[in-house]
Protein backbone atom coordinates (compact mmCIF):
# COMPACT_ATOMS: atom_id res chain seq x y z
CA MET A 1 0.00 0.00 0.00
CA ALA A 2 2.85 2.38 0.79
CA LYS A 3 4.19 2.18 -2.77
CA ALA A 4 0.71 2.75 -4.21
CA LEU A 5 0.21 5.75 -1.92
CA TRP A 6 3.54 7.21 -2.99
CA PHE A 7 2.61 6.65 -6.65
CA LEU A 8 -0.66 8.56 -6.19
CA THR A 9 0.75 11.39 -4.08
CA LYS A 10 4.05 12.06 -5.88
CA PRO A 11 2.51 14.31 -8.58
CA ALA A 12 0.45 16.13 -5.95
CA LEU A 13 3.51 16.72 -3.78
CA ALA A 14 5.35 18.16 -6.78
CA MET A 15 2.51 20.59 -7.50
CA VAL A 16 2.21 21.61 -3.85
CA GLY A 17 5.96 22.15 -3.70
CA VAL A 18 5.85 24.46 -6.70
CA LEU A 19 2.98 26.42 -5.15
CA THR A 20 4.91 26.83 -1.91
CA ALA A 21 7.82 28.25 -3.88
CA VAL A 22 5.43 30.64 -5.64
CA TYR A 23 4.24 31.85 -2.22
CA GLY A 24 7.84 32.63 -1.28
CA VAL A 25 8.28 34.64 -4.47
CA LEU A 26 5.07 36.62 -3.81
CA VAL A 27 6.19 37.42 -0.26
CA GLY A 28 9.53 38.63 -1.59
CA LEU A 29 7.81 40.82 -4.17
CA SER A 30 5.42 42.22 -1.56
CA LEU A 31 8.32 43.14 0.71
CA ALA A 32 10.30 44.60 -2.18
CA THR A 33 7.35 46.77 -3.22
CA ARG A 34 6.57 47.68 0.41
CA GLY A 35 3.25 45.89 0.62
CA ASN A 36 1.92 46.62 -2.86
CA GLU A 37 -1.85 46.13 -2.49
CA PHE A 38 -2.25 44.05 -5.65
CA ILE A 39 0.53 41.60 -4.75
CA PHE A 40 -0.47 41.50 -1.07
CA THR A 41 -3.99 40.38 -2.02
CA TYR A 42 -2.48 37.21 -3.45
CA VAL A 43 -0.11 36.78 -0.50
CA GLN A 44 -2.75 36.81 2.23
CA GLY A 45 -5.28 34.78 0.24
CA PHE A 46 -2.78 32.21 -0.98
CA PHE A 47 -4.42 29.42 1.04
CA ILE A 48 -7.23 29.35 -1.56
CA VAL A 49 -4.74 28.08 -4.13
CA PHE A 50 -3.93 25.09 -1.94
CA ASP A 51 -7.65 24.31 -1.65
CA ILE A 52 -8.10 24.47 -5.40
CA ILE A 53 -5.08 22.29 -6.08
CA ILE A 54 -6.41 19.63 -3.68
CA GLY A 55 -9.37 19.04 -5.97
CA ILE A 56 -7.28 19.00 -9.14
CA CYS A 57 -4.76 16.54 -7.68
CA ALA A 58 -7.50 14.29 -6.25
CA ALA A 59 -9.34 14.01 -9.56
CA GLN A 60 -6.07 13.35 -11.38
CA ALA A 61 -5.00 10.70 -8.85
CA ILE A 62 -8.14 8.64 -9.46
CA SER A 63 -8.77 9.23 -13.16
CA ALA A 64 -5.16 8.91 -14.34
CA TYR A 65 -2.78 7.41 -11.77
CA ALA A 66 -5.01 4.84 -10.05
CA PRO A 67 -5.79 2.90 -13.28
CA LEU A 68 -2.11 3.08 -14.18
CA ALA A 69 -1.17 1.68 -10.77
CA LEU A 70 -3.43 -1.30 -11.41
CA SER A 71 -1.65 -1.96 -14.69
CA PHE A 72 1.66 -2.08 -12.77
CA GLY A 73 0.33 -4.90 -10.60
CA VAL A 74 -1.03 -3.01 -7.58
CA THR A 75 -3.91 -4.94 -6.04
CA ARG A 76 -7.29 -3.28 -5.72
CA ARG A 77 -7.15 -3.72 -1.96
CA SER A 78 -3.83 -1.88 -1.78
CA LEU A 79 -5.14 0.79 -4.10
CA ARG A 80 -8.19 1.37 -1.92
CA GLY A 81 -5.91 1.80 1.09
CA ALA A 82 -3.77 4.21 -0.89
CA VAL A 83 -6.80 6.27 -1.93
CA ALA A 84 -7.97 6.46 1.69
CA GLY A 85 -4.48 7.55 2.71
CA PHE A 86 -4.42 10.14 -0.05
CA TRP A 87 -7.75 11.56 1.19
CA VAL A 88 -6.19 12.17 4.61
CA LEU A 89 -2.60 12.97 3.67
CA LEU A 90 -3.09 15.69 1.07
CA PRO A 91 -5.61 17.78 3.08
CA VAL A 92 -3.44 17.54 6.21
CA LEU A 93 -0.33 18.53 4.26
CA CYS A 94 -2.12 21.51 2.71
CA MET A 95 -3.52 22.48 6.13
CA VAL A 96 0.03 22.53 7.54
CA LEU A 97 1.22 24.63 4.60
CA ASP A 98 -1.75 26.96 5.09
CA TYR A 99 -0.69 27.41 8.70
CA LEU A 100 2.94 28.06 7.82
CA CYS A 101 2.10 30.51 5.03
CA ASN A 102 -0.49 32.35 7.12
CA SER A 103 1.91 32.51 10.06
CA VAL A 104 4.62 34.03 7.90
CA THR A 105 2.15 36.50 6.40
CA ALA A 106 0.80 37.42 9.85
CA ARG A 107 4.29 38.09 11.18
CA LEU A 108 5.22 40.29 8.24
CA PHE A 109 1.91 42.05 7.50
CA TYR A 110 -0.27 41.60 10.61
CA LYS A 111 -1.80 45.10 10.54
CA ASP A 112 -3.04 44.69 6.97
CA MET A 113 -4.42 41.14 7.21
CA ASN A 114 -8.08 40.11 6.93
CA LYS A 115 -9.62 38.70 10.15
CA LEU A 116 -10.18 35.33 8.47
CA PHE A 117 -6.53 34.83 7.63
CA VAL A 118 -5.47 35.82 11.14
CA SER A 119 -7.97 33.28 12.50
CA LEU A 120 -6.61 30.50 10.28
CA ALA A 121 -3.10 31.29 11.48
CA GLU A 122 -4.28 30.87 15.09
CA TYR A 123 -6.64 27.91 14.53
CA PRO A 124 -5.43 25.95 11.47
CA LEU A 125 -7.73 22.96 12.15
CA GLN A 126 -10.69 25.11 11.11
CA GLY A 127 -9.77 24.60 7.48
CA LEU A 128 -9.37 20.81 7.61
CA GLY A 129 -13.04 19.93 7.11
CA LEU A 130 -13.22 22.01 3.93
CA LYS A 131 -10.09 20.37 2.56
CA LEU A 132 -11.40 16.88 3.32
CA LEU A 133 -14.63 17.69 1.48
CA LEU A 134 -12.81 19.08 -1.55
CA CYS A 135 -10.50 16.07 -1.71
CA GLY A 136 -13.20 13.47 -1.11
CA SER A 137 -15.64 14.94 -3.62
CA MET A 138 -13.02 15.16 -6.37
CA LEU A 139 -11.81 11.61 -5.66
CA TRP A 140 -15.41 10.58 -6.18
CA MET A 141 -15.73 12.60 -9.38
CA GLY A 142 -12.45 11.21 -10.69
CA SER A 143 -13.77 7.68 -10.19
CA LEU A 144 -16.74 8.32 -12.47
CA GLU A 145 -16.73 7.39 -16.14
CA PHE A 146 -17.76 10.95 -16.85
CA SER A 147 -17.84 10.74 -20.65
CA ALA A 148 -20.12 7.69 -20.46
CA LEU A 149 -22.70 9.40 -18.24
CA PRO A 150 -25.98 10.72 -19.67
CA ILE A 151 -26.02 14.48 -20.21
CA TRP A 152 -28.33 15.14 -17.26
CA LYS A 153 -26.01 13.25 -14.91
CA ARG A 154 -23.01 15.21 -16.18
CA VAL A 155 -24.85 18.46 -15.54
CA LEU A 156 -25.83 17.37 -12.03
CA THR A 157 -22.27 16.26 -11.28
CA ILE A 158 -20.81 19.58 -12.42
CA ALA A 159 -23.48 21.49 -10.48
CA LEU A 160 -22.67 19.50 -7.33
CA VAL A 161 -18.94 20.18 -7.68
CA CYS A 162 -19.68 23.90 -8.16
CA VAL A 163 -21.76 23.91 -4.96
CA ILE A 164 -18.94 22.19 -3.11
CA TYR A 165 -16.36 24.71 -4.31
CA LEU A 166 -18.71 27.54 -3.36
CA GLN A 167 -18.06 26.46 0.20
CA LEU A 168 -14.75 28.30 -0.17
CA THR A 169 -16.74 31.55 -0.40
CA VAL A 170 -19.05 30.54 2.46
CA PHE A 171 -16.00 29.64 4.54
CA MET A 172 -14.42 33.04 3.96
CA LEU A 173 -17.65 34.92 4.67
CA LEU A 174 -18.19 33.05 7.93
CA GLY A 175 -14.58 33.58 8.93
CA THR A 176 -14.95 37.30 8.34
CA PHE A 177 -18.40 37.95 9.84
CA ARG A 178 -19.19 34.93 12.08
CA PRO A 179 -15.84 33.42 13.15
CA GLY A 180 -17.49 31.77 16.16
CA VAL A 181 -19.26 29.20 13.97
CA LEU A 182 -16.29 28.39 11.77
CA THR A 183 -15.15 25.37 13.80
CA LEU A 184 -18.63 23.79 13.74
CA TYR A 185 -18.93 24.49 10.02
CA SER A 186 -15.58 22.78 9.41
CA VAL A 187 -16.76 19.70 11.32
CA VAL A 188 -19.95 19.58 9.23
CA LEU A 189 -17.93 19.77 6.00
CA GLY A 190 -15.63 17.01 7.21
CA VAL A 191 -18.62 14.75 7.92
CA LEU A 192 -20.07 15.54 4.48
CA SER A 193 -16.83 14.34 2.90
CA LEU A 194 -17.34 10.80 4.20
CA PRO A 195 -20.02 9.68 1.68
CA PHE A 196 -17.86 10.87 -1.20
CA ILE A 197 -14.74 9.00 -0.14
CA LEU A 198 -16.73 5.85 0.71
CA VAL A 199 -18.33 5.81 -2.74
CA ALA A 200 -14.95 6.47 -4.37
CA LEU A 201 -13.42 3.54 -2.46
CA HIS A 202 -16.31 1.31 -3.49
CA ARG A 203 -15.83 2.25 -7.14
CA MET A 204 -12.19 1.06 -6.96
CA GLN A 205 -13.61 -2.45 -7.38
CA LYS A 206 -14.75 -1.62 -10.93
CA LEU A 207 -12.01 0.80 -11.94
CA ALA A 208 -10.75 0.11 -15.45
CA VAL A 209 -7.09 -0.77 -15.88
CA THR A 210 -4.93 1.49 -18.05
CA GLN A 211 -2.50 -0.41 -20.24
CA ALA A 212 1.03 0.71 -19.41
């Protein structure tokens, strides 16, 4: 299972690493331009990029790398364990990076930061439920044979994913205006992620094998 997990997560780790480097460049530019408002907007809201990349990496892991892993001889049982590990590992990694990036931003630009970003720097676990939902839902979507679905099912699937990603906006609004409910909201989102990952794991039994 460990090898299968590494196979699924290696591309995601590379993308996350590049994004972390981009954050460092943006911080340097913001300092060099003495807190240029345009650049600083991207610096303090950089955590959104990690949330977006979670979904992209999750869908890619299931639709592209999981079938390829099967063709290399990985058992379906091991693959299911790897997918479950991916669902936990990537959100936790991105949560840690959120915390580190927000902490650096808060230390350098505390006076100019939005209340939400200050809150996430102090309570990083608040963002975990959202990340689990984004990862679980896109693992589920990646397991679908999307092109083979009827049009109405494709539309419903896309609409559902849009609603899920709108939780980013809801999360930010709550963090800004009702920070007291943010922890409960994160727990609710984490619970909502469970049906998606369970269905995705079930669909591993019928996942087509990609010929290497």
